[in-house]
């Protein structure tokens, strides 16, 4: 959900303003940026899903109840609600009103993280949409976004996400970014905004670039960036500076709900870190070493000693960044690992019974201790410990392990 909230905040000052340069250095967190109804309804949907406790039959009532409750309890940081949605919020007898606006797609991000299968993800996306947006296009928009998040966090590539969305939901994602930018960007429908947001994700090579592209179009910048950010989070992770921007604006019970979601989805975020390199981890390819005990003697007869150091494969060299940007780093990892019988027991057995917090601690231990013990990651790879961590993460998240 962080990605959606960050996108909402970043896009809020630019809503329906002039188009911006995609690679421009405009501020993504100016003083007047704040959360809108996109963020509040995103958190409300998660709270409603929690109240339903996995029961699809209870989902519609719970989601609708908590969306209406949040609107009454919390003041928006910026902006307001659309006319039909506002009437629904305050009605004594609320009913879906056939909308296909982009609101169903901007509030669905938690669904993409919470469920172990694509089928359940689609079913719950429909639940969260249909309480208001029961038009087929409104439902399809929510499902496409939630499915994209699910696929991204389980290790699927941008191309695989693109092909699934085009085949399953019929969106045209073949346009170049220039063609997207030349279109009518002032529409606020799912069938317009969702492909725009997905195109930003497909065009980008990182989270920040994705936000800049989504916002640069102009139009409904906060909602488009919320949708794009929600998918980009699952694909790229989020640099710390953006999480800090949220912390200054989302406080109190809303911050507690966001923290609750982060805790609940720790297994899924561990999968997001490890799934893209799962096949590599299973291969147990030992990292190569560079250097040796003695390298050379110079002209003056002085002996130069070179230490051996590991030359990690790209899959491992980028692991530290992904652990940080997916929010699974355990800064208290020494204490976490010490609480297991790591030093005296069988590491594979310890990993196999670890909970998500312990698993994050063990993974962080491997990454951070590599600074002091050259080759620790290589050892963990060769002995199958990193693959075991990945297996356990998939098990805790309830998702199917990718085939090798």
Protein backbone atom coordinates (compact mmCIF):
# COMPACT_ATOMS: atom_id res chain seq x y z
CA UNK A 1 0.00 0.00 0.00
CA UNK A 2 2.95 2.33 0.50
CA UNK A 3 3.31 2.67 -3.26
CA UNK A 4 -0.29 3.79 -3.70
CA UNK A 5 -0.07 6.27 -0.83
CA UNK A 6 3.24 7.71 -2.02
CA UNK A 7 1.84 8.09 -5.53
CA UNK A 8 -1.27 9.82 -4.19
CA UNK A 9 0.77 12.29 -2.14
CA UNK A 10 3.30 12.95 -4.91
CA UNK A 11 0.62 13.53 -7.52
CA UNK A 12 -1.71 15.62 -5.37
CA UNK A 13 -0.25 19.12 -6.08
CA UNK A 14 -0.23 18.56 -9.84
CA UNK A 15 -3.80 17.31 -10.31
CA UNK A 16 -5.35 18.64 -13.52
CA UNK A 17 -2.48 21.08 -13.94
CA UNK A 18 -0.16 21.42 -16.89
CA UNK A 19 1.78 18.45 -18.22
CA UNK A 20 5.33 18.13 -16.90
CA UNK A 21 8.59 16.93 -18.40
CA UNK A 22 8.86 13.19 -17.62
CA UNK A 23 12.54 13.47 -16.71
CA UNK A 24 12.13 16.80 -14.95
CA UNK A 25 13.36 17.42 -11.42
CA UNK A 26 10.05 18.73 -10.10
CA UNK A 27 9.47 18.08 -6.42
CA UNK A 28 7.68 14.83 -5.60
CA UNK A 29 7.14 15.93 -2.01
CA UNK A 30 6.49 19.69 -1.96
CA UNK A 31 5.06 21.26 1.22
CA UNK A 32 1.55 21.38 -0.21
CA UNK A 33 1.51 17.67 -1.14
CA UNK A 34 -0.74 15.56 1.03
CA UNK A 35 -2.92 12.47 1.00
CA UNK A 36 -6.34 12.56 -0.65
CA UNK A 37 -9.38 10.30 -0.71
CA UNK A 38 -7.25 7.81 -2.67
CA UNK A 39 -5.14 7.09 0.42
CA UNK A 40 -8.00 7.13 2.87
CA UNK A 41 -10.09 4.67 0.86
CA UNK A 42 -7.04 2.45 0.27
CA UNK A 43 -6.60 2.11 4.03
CA UNK A 44 -10.34 1.69 4.56
CA UNK A 45 -10.48 -1.18 2.05
CA UNK A 46 -7.68 -2.98 3.89
CA UNK A 47 -9.49 -2.50 7.21
CA UNK A 48 -12.70 -3.85 5.68
CA UNK A 49 -10.93 -6.91 4.30
CA UNK A 50 -9.49 -7.52 7.77
CA UNK A 51 -12.96 -7.38 9.29
CA UNK A 52 -14.26 -9.89 6.74
CA UNK A 53 -11.50 -12.28 7.85
CA UNK A 54 -11.22 -14.05 4.53
CA UNK A 55 -14.96 -14.61 4.08
CA UNK A 56 -15.96 -13.46 0.58
CA UNK A 57 -19.62 -13.42 1.58
CA UNK A 58 -18.90 -10.90 4.34
CA UNK A 59 -16.60 -8.83 2.17
CA UNK A 60 -19.04 -6.40 0.53
CA UNK A 61 -20.69 -5.33 3.79
CA UNK A 62 -17.38 -5.03 5.64
CA UNK A 63 -15.64 -3.06 2.90
CA UNK A 64 -18.58 -0.69 2.42
CA UNK A 65 -18.93 -0.18 6.17
CA UNK A 66 -15.29 0.70 6.69
CA UNK A 67 -15.09 2.97 3.66
CA UNK A 68 -18.06 4.95 4.99
CA UNK A 69 -16.66 4.92 8.52
CA UNK A 70 -13.25 6.22 7.44
CA UNK A 71 -14.89 9.08 5.53
CA UNK A 72 -16.65 10.12 8.74
CA UNK A 73 -13.68 9.61 11.06
CA UNK A 74 -10.80 11.21 9.17
CA UNK A 75 -10.27 14.53 7.49
CA UNK A 76 -8.58 14.48 4.10
CA UNK A 77 -5.17 16.09 3.85
CA UNK A 78 -6.09 17.51 0.46
CA UNK A 79 -8.94 17.42 -2.08
CA UNK A 80 -12.38 15.92 -1.69
CA UNK A 81 -14.74 13.18 -2.86
CA UNK A 82 -16.48 12.93 -6.21
CA UNK A 83 -20.17 13.77 -6.34
CA UNK A 84 -21.70 10.30 -6.75
CA UNK A 85 -19.25 8.73 -4.34
CA UNK A 86 -19.97 11.45 -1.78
CA UNK A 87 -23.70 10.73 -2.04
CA UNK A 88 -22.97 7.02 -1.51
CA UNK A 89 -20.83 7.78 1.54
CA UNK A 90 -23.56 9.75 3.25
CA UNK A 91 -26.61 7.82 2.08
CA UNK A 92 -28.84 6.10 4.65
CA UNK A 93 -29.25 3.20 2.23
CA UNK A 94 -26.15 3.00 0.02
CA UNK A 95 -26.15 0.94 -3.17
CA UNK A 96 -23.66 0.50 -6.00
CA UNK A 97 -24.22 3.10 -8.68
CA UNK A 98 -22.73 1.56 -11.82
CA UNK A 99 -19.55 3.62 -11.88
CA UNK A 100 -16.54 2.80 -14.04
CA UNK A 101 -14.47 5.67 -12.66
CA UNK A 102 -10.87 5.07 -11.64
CA UNK A 103 -11.69 5.04 -7.92
CA UNK A 104 -12.07 1.27 -7.87
CA UNK A 105 -8.52 0.84 -9.21
CA UNK A 106 -6.84 3.35 -6.92
CA UNK A 107 -8.09 1.79 -3.66
CA UNK A 108 -7.42 -1.90 -4.41
CA UNK A 109 -3.68 -2.21 -3.75
CA UNK A 110 -3.93 -4.19 -0.49
CA UNK A 111 -5.77 -6.95 -2.35
CA UNK A 112 -2.74 -7.51 -4.57
CA UNK A 113 -0.64 -8.39 -1.51
CA UNK A 114 -3.00 -10.24 0.79
CA UNK A 115 -4.11 -13.37 -1.05
CA UNK A 116 -2.14 -16.47 -2.06
CA UNK A 117 -3.64 -17.07 -5.51
CA UNK A 118 -4.49 -15.00 -8.54
CA UNK A 119 -8.06 -16.32 -8.44
CA UNK A 120 -8.63 -15.09 -4.88
CA UNK A 121 -6.95 -11.80 -5.75
CA UNK A 122 -9.40 -11.25 -8.60
CA UNK A 123 -12.39 -12.26 -6.46
CA UNK A 124 -11.50 -9.84 -3.69
CA UNK A 125 -10.71 -7.08 -6.15
CA UNK A 126 -14.27 -7.45 -7.46
CA UNK A 127 -15.62 -7.29 -3.91
CA UNK A 128 -13.81 -4.02 -3.18
CA UNK A 129 -14.88 -2.48 -6.48
CA UNK A 130 -18.50 -3.59 -6.68
CA UNK A 131 -19.69 -1.87 -3.50
CA UNK A 132 -19.75 1.28 -5.64
CA UNK A 133 -18.19 0.56 -9.05
CA UNK A 134 -20.29 -2.41 -10.16
CA UNK A 135 -19.99 -1.59 -13.86
CA UNK A 136 -17.90 -4.30 -15.65
CA UNK A 137 -15.23 -1.72 -16.50
CA UNK A 138 -15.02 -0.59 -12.89
CA UNK A 139 -14.55 -4.17 -11.73
CA UNK A 140 -12.07 -4.96 -14.50
CA UNK A 141 -9.92 -1.95 -13.61
CA UNK A 142 -9.61 -3.06 -9.98
CA UNK A 143 -8.87 -6.64 -11.00
CA UNK A 144 -6.18 -5.62 -13.49
CA UNK A 145 -4.35 -3.54 -10.89
CA UNK A 146 -4.58 -6.16 -8.14
CA UNK A 147 -3.48 -8.93 -10.52
CA UNK A 148 -0.51 -6.85 -11.68
CA UNK A 149 0.59 -6.38 -8.08
CA UNK A 150 0.19 -10.09 -7.39
CA UNK A 151 2.23 -11.06 -10.45
CA UNK A 152 4.95 -8.50 -9.70
CA UNK A 153 5.39 -9.59 -6.09
CA UNK A 154 5.60 -13.27 -7.05
CA UNK A 155 8.51 -12.75 -9.41
CA UNK A 156 6.89 -12.22 -12.80
CA UNK A 157 8.56 -9.90 -15.29
CA UNK A 158 7.14 -6.72 -16.79
CA UNK A 159 6.58 -8.58 -20.05
CA UNK A 160 4.63 -11.34 -18.29
CA UNK A 161 2.48 -8.75 -16.50
CA UNK A 162 1.85 -6.92 -19.76
CA UNK A 163 0.83 -10.08 -21.59
CA UNK A 164 -1.48 -11.19 -18.77
CA UNK A 165 -3.22 -7.82 -18.56
CA UNK A 166 -3.68 -7.58 -22.32
CA UNK A 167 -5.00 -11.13 -22.63
CA UNK A 168 -7.12 -11.25 -19.48
CA UNK A 169 -8.52 -7.72 -19.36
CA UNK A 170 -8.22 -6.50 -22.92
CA UNK A 171 -6.27 -3.33 -22.22
CA UNK A 172 -4.03 -2.07 -25.01
CA UNK A 173 -0.53 -1.73 -23.60
CA UNK A 174 1.23 -1.66 -26.97
CA UNK A 175 1.39 2.13 -27.25
CA UNK A 176 4.72 3.90 -26.90
CA UNK A 177 5.04 6.39 -24.06
CA UNK A 178 4.87 9.19 -26.60
CA UNK A 179 1.56 7.86 -27.86
CA UNK A 180 0.23 7.59 -24.31
CA UNK A 181 1.25 11.20 -23.59
CA UNK A 182 -0.43 12.40 -26.78
CA UNK A 183 -3.78 10.90 -25.79
CA UNK A 184 -6.68 12.41 -23.88
CA UNK A 185 -5.23 12.38 -20.40
CA UNK A 186 -8.12 14.19 -18.68
CA UNK A 187 -10.41 11.17 -18.52
CA UNK A 188 -11.03 9.66 -15.09
CA UNK A 189 -12.37 6.26 -16.13
CA UNK A 190 -10.75 2.91 -15.39
CA UNK A 191 -10.43 2.16 -19.09
CA UNK A 192 -8.33 5.32 -19.52
CA UNK A 193 -6.39 5.63 -16.27
CA UNK A 194 -5.43 1.98 -15.70
CA UNK A 195 -3.63 1.56 -19.07
CA UNK A 196 -1.90 4.94 -18.55
CA UNK A 197 -0.65 3.83 -15.12
CA UNK A 198 0.44 0.43 -16.40
CA UNK A 199 2.25 2.07 -19.30
CA UNK A 200 4.23 4.17 -16.80
CA UNK A 201 5.21 0.99 -14.94
CA UNK A 202 6.27 -0.76 -18.14
CA UNK A 203 8.27 2.25 -19.33
CA UNK A 204 10.08 2.82 -16.03
CA UNK A 205 13.23 1.23 -14.67
CA UNK A 206 12.52 2.09 -11.06
CA UNK A 207 9.93 3.39 -8.60
CA UNK A 208 10.78 7.09 -8.86
CA UNK A 209 10.86 7.09 -12.66
CA UNK A 210 7.45 5.42 -12.68
CA UNK A 211 5.96 8.18 -10.50
CA UNK A 212 7.50 10.91 -12.63
CA UNK A 213 6.08 9.39 -15.79
CA UNK A 214 2.62 8.94 -14.29
CA UNK A 215 2.51 12.50 -12.96
CA UNK A 216 4.04 14.07 -16.05
CA UNK A 217 0.93 13.41 -18.13
CA UNK A 218 -1.12 15.88 -16.12
CA UNK A 219 -4.82 15.26 -15.60
CA UNK A 220 -5.77 13.06 -12.64
CA UNK A 221 -2.21 12.87 -11.41
CA UNK A 222 -2.80 11.68 -7.85
CA UNK A 223 -4.98 8.73 -8.84
CA UNK A 224 -2.83 7.71 -11.82
CA UNK A 225 0.31 7.90 -9.66
CA UNK A 226 -1.41 5.96 -6.87
CA UNK A 227 -2.24 3.14 -9.29
CA UNK A 228 1.19 3.19 -10.94
CA UNK A 229 2.94 3.42 -7.57
CA UNK A 230 1.03 0.46 -6.17
CA UNK A 231 2.27 -1.78 -9.00
CA UNK A 232 5.77 -0.28 -9.09
CA UNK A 233 6.20 -1.02 -5.38
CA UNK A 234 5.65 -4.73 -6.00
CA UNK A 235 8.03 -4.70 -8.96
CA UNK A 236 10.87 -2.40 -7.89
CA UNK A 237 10.50 -1.73 -4.18
CA UNK A 238 10.52 1.78 -2.69
CA UNK A 239 13.55 3.95 -1.86
CA UNK A 240 13.60 5.07 1.78
CA UNK A 241 13.18 8.76 0.99
CA UNK A 242 9.63 8.12 -0.20
CA UNK A 243 8.66 6.21 2.93
CA UNK A 244 9.87 9.18 4.96
CA UNK A 245 7.51 11.45 3.03
CA UNK A 246 4.60 9.26 4.13
CA UNK A 247 5.66 9.30 7.78
CA UNK A 248 5.32 13.09 7.97
CA UNK A 249 1.76 13.06 6.60
CA UNK A 250 0.14 9.79 7.69
CA UNK A 251 0.00 9.76 11.47
CA UNK A 252 -2.02 8.39 14.38
CA UNK A 253 -4.49 5.57 13.69
CA UNK A 254 -3.90 5.78 9.93
CA UNK A 255 -0.18 5.21 10.45
CA UNK A 256 -0.98 2.33 12.79
CA UNK A 257 -3.16 0.72 10.12
CA UNK A 258 -0.40 1.08 7.54
CA UNK A 259 2.07 -0.51 9.98
CA UNK A 260 -0.40 -3.32 10.59
CA UNK A 261 -0.53 -3.99 6.85
CA UNK A 262 3.27 -4.00 6.60
CA UNK A 263 3.48 -6.55 9.42
CA UNK A 264 0.76 -8.72 7.90
CA UNK A 265 2.46 -8.77 4.51
CA UNK A 266 6.06 -9.38 5.63
CA UNK A 267 6.03 -12.93 4.16
CA UNK A 268 4.76 -11.58 0.84
CA UNK A 269 7.45 -8.90 0.77
CA UNK A 270 10.13 -11.50 1.47
CA UNK A 271 8.80 -13.39 -1.55
CA UNK A 272 8.96 -10.19 -3.62
CA UNK A 273 12.65 -9.87 -2.71
CA UNK A 274 13.57 -13.49 -3.43
CA UNK A 275 11.22 -14.67 -6.18
CA UNK A 276 13.06 -12.93 -9.04
CA UNK A 277 16.30 -14.74 -8.08
CA UNK A 278 14.77 -18.02 -6.92
CA UNK A 279 16.14 -20.10 -9.80
CA UNK A 280 19.60 -18.65 -9.17
CA UNK A 281 19.37 -19.49 -5.46
CA UNK A 282 18.33 -23.04 -6.26
CA UNK A 283 21.34 -23.43 -8.56
CA UNK A 284 23.70 -22.89 -5.62
CA UNK A 285 26.30 -21.49 -8.02
CA UNK A 286 29.25 -20.61 -5.83
CA UNK A 287 30.31 -16.98 -6.07
CA UNK A 288 33.68 -16.57 -7.78
CA UNK A 289 36.65 -15.17 -5.90
CA UNK A 290 39.14 -12.56 -7.04
CA UNK A 291 42.69 -12.13 -5.76
CA UNK A 292 44.99 -14.45 -3.88
CA UNK A 293 47.33 -14.67 -0.94
CA UNK A 294 50.27 -13.05 -2.78
CA UNK A 295 49.91 -10.93 -5.88
CA UNK A 296 53.32 -9.53 -6.86
CA UNK A 297 56.73 -8.18 -5.84
CA UNK A 298 57.51 -4.69 -7.16
CA UNK A 299 60.81 -3.42 -8.59
CA UNK A 300 62.08 -2.47 -5.17
CA UNK A 301 61.47 -5.99 -3.94
CA UNK A 302 58.47 -5.02 -1.83
CA UNK A 303 55.87 -7.73 -1.52
CA UNK A 304 52.26 -6.67 -2.01
CA UNK A 305 49.62 -8.85 -0.40
CA UNK A 306 46.15 -8.95 -1.86
CA UNK A 307 43.22 -10.35 0.07
CA UNK A 308 40.74 -12.56 -1.70
CA UNK A 309 37.29 -11.08 -2.03
CA UNK A 310 34.05 -12.35 -3.54
CA UNK A 311 32.83 -11.19 -6.92
CA UNK A 312 29.12 -11.68 -6.47
CA UNK A 313 26.77 -12.41 -9.30
CA UNK A 314 24.31 -9.56 -10.01
CA UNK A 315 21.55 -11.57 -8.34
CA UNK A 316 23.37 -11.37 -5.01
CA UNK A 317 24.96 -7.95 -5.39
CA UNK A 318 21.51 -6.34 -5.65
CA UNK A 319 20.06 -8.24 -2.69
CA UNK A 320 20.93 -5.62 -0.08
CA UNK A 321 19.09 -2.91 -2.01
CA UNK A 322 15.99 -5.06 -2.50
CA UNK A 323 15.85 -6.01 1.19
CA UNK A 324 15.84 -2.31 2.08
CA UNK A 325 13.45 -1.15 -0.62
CA UNK A 326 10.90 -3.87 0.08
CA UNK A 327 10.97 -3.00 3.77
CA UNK A 328 12.12 -6.38 5.07
CA UNK A 329 15.48 -5.39 6.56
CA UNK A 330 15.70 -6.23 10.27
CA UNK A 331 17.83 -3.59 11.98
CA UNK A 332 17.81 -5.71 15.14
CA UNK A 333 18.93 -8.81 13.25
CA UNK A 334 21.63 -9.80 15.75
CA UNK A 335 19.06 -10.14 18.52
CA UNK A 336 16.56 -11.83 16.19
CA UNK A 337 19.04 -14.47 15.04
CA UNK A 338 20.36 -15.01 18.58
CA UNK A 339 16.83 -15.87 19.70
CA UNK A 340 16.90 -18.89 17.38
CA UNK A 341 19.29 -21.81 17.85
CA UNK A 342 21.21 -20.72 14.75
CA UNK A 343 24.65 -21.17 16.33
CA UNK A 344 23.97 -24.61 17.78
CA UNK A 345 21.31 -26.13 15.55
CA UNK A 346 20.97 -27.16 11.94
CA UNK A 347 20.56 -23.94 9.90
CA UNK A 348 18.23 -25.61 7.40
CA UNK A 349 16.00 -26.82 10.22
CA UNK A 350 16.04 -23.39 11.86
CA UNK A 351 15.00 -21.76 8.59
CA UNK A 352 12.29 -24.35 7.97
CA UNK A 353 10.57 -23.47 11.27
CA UNK A 354 11.23 -19.72 11.25
CA UNK A 355 8.40 -17.21 11.32
CA UNK A 356 8.47 -14.19 9.00
CA UNK A 357 10.28 -11.94 11.49
CA UNK A 358 12.96 -14.55 12.14
CA UNK A 359 13.32 -15.18 8.42
CA UNK A 360 13.85 -11.48 7.75
CA UNK A 361 16.43 -11.43 10.55
CA UNK A 362 18.36 -14.38 9.11
CA UNK A 363 18.35 -12.90 5.62
CA UNK A 364 19.51 -9.54 6.98
CA UNK A 365 22.24 -11.31 8.96
CA UNK A 366 23.65 -12.85 5.80
CA UNK A 367 23.63 -9.54 3.97
CA UNK A 368 24.95 -7.31 6.74
CA UNK A 369 27.56 -9.74 8.11
CA UNK A 370 29.02 -10.06 4.60
CA UNK A 371 30.73 -6.75 5.41
CA UNK A 372 32.79 -8.49 8.08
CA UNK A 373 32.98 -12.05 6.76
CA UNK A 374 33.96 -12.09 3.10
CA UNK A 375 32.18 -14.88 1.29
CA UNK A 376 29.37 -15.37 3.82
CA UNK A 377 26.73 -14.93 1.13
CA UNK A 378 28.61 -17.35 -1.09
CA UNK A 379 28.65 -19.86 1.74
CA UNK A 380 24.93 -19.41 2.35
CA UNK A 381 24.29 -19.91 -1.33
CA UNK A 382 26.48 -23.01 -1.67
CA UNK A 383 25.05 -24.66 1.44
CA UNK A 384 21.48 -24.05 0.33
CA UNK A 385 20.60 -21.67 3.15
CA UNK A 386 19.48 -18.84 0.85
CA UNK A 387 17.35 -21.24 -1.18
CA UNK A 388 15.84 -22.53 2.07
CA UNK A 389 14.99 -18.96 3.10
CA UNK A 390 13.20 -18.51 -0.23
CA UNK A 391 11.32 -21.82 0.22
CA UNK A 392 10.18 -20.82 3.69
CA UNK A 393 9.09 -17.38 2.49
CA UNK A 394 6.93 -18.95 -0.20
CA UNK A 395 5.48 -21.33 2.38
CA UNK A 396 4.63 -18.51 4.82
CA UNK A 397 3.07 -16.44 2.03
CA UNK A 398 1.06 -19.42 0.84
CA UNK A 399 2.14 -19.01 -2.78
CA UNK A 400 3.39 -21.66 -5.15
CA UNK A 401 7.16 -21.94 -5.47
CA UNK A 402 8.28 -21.05 -9.00
CA UNK A 403 9.44 -23.97 -11.12
CA UNK A 404 13.13 -24.17 -11.83
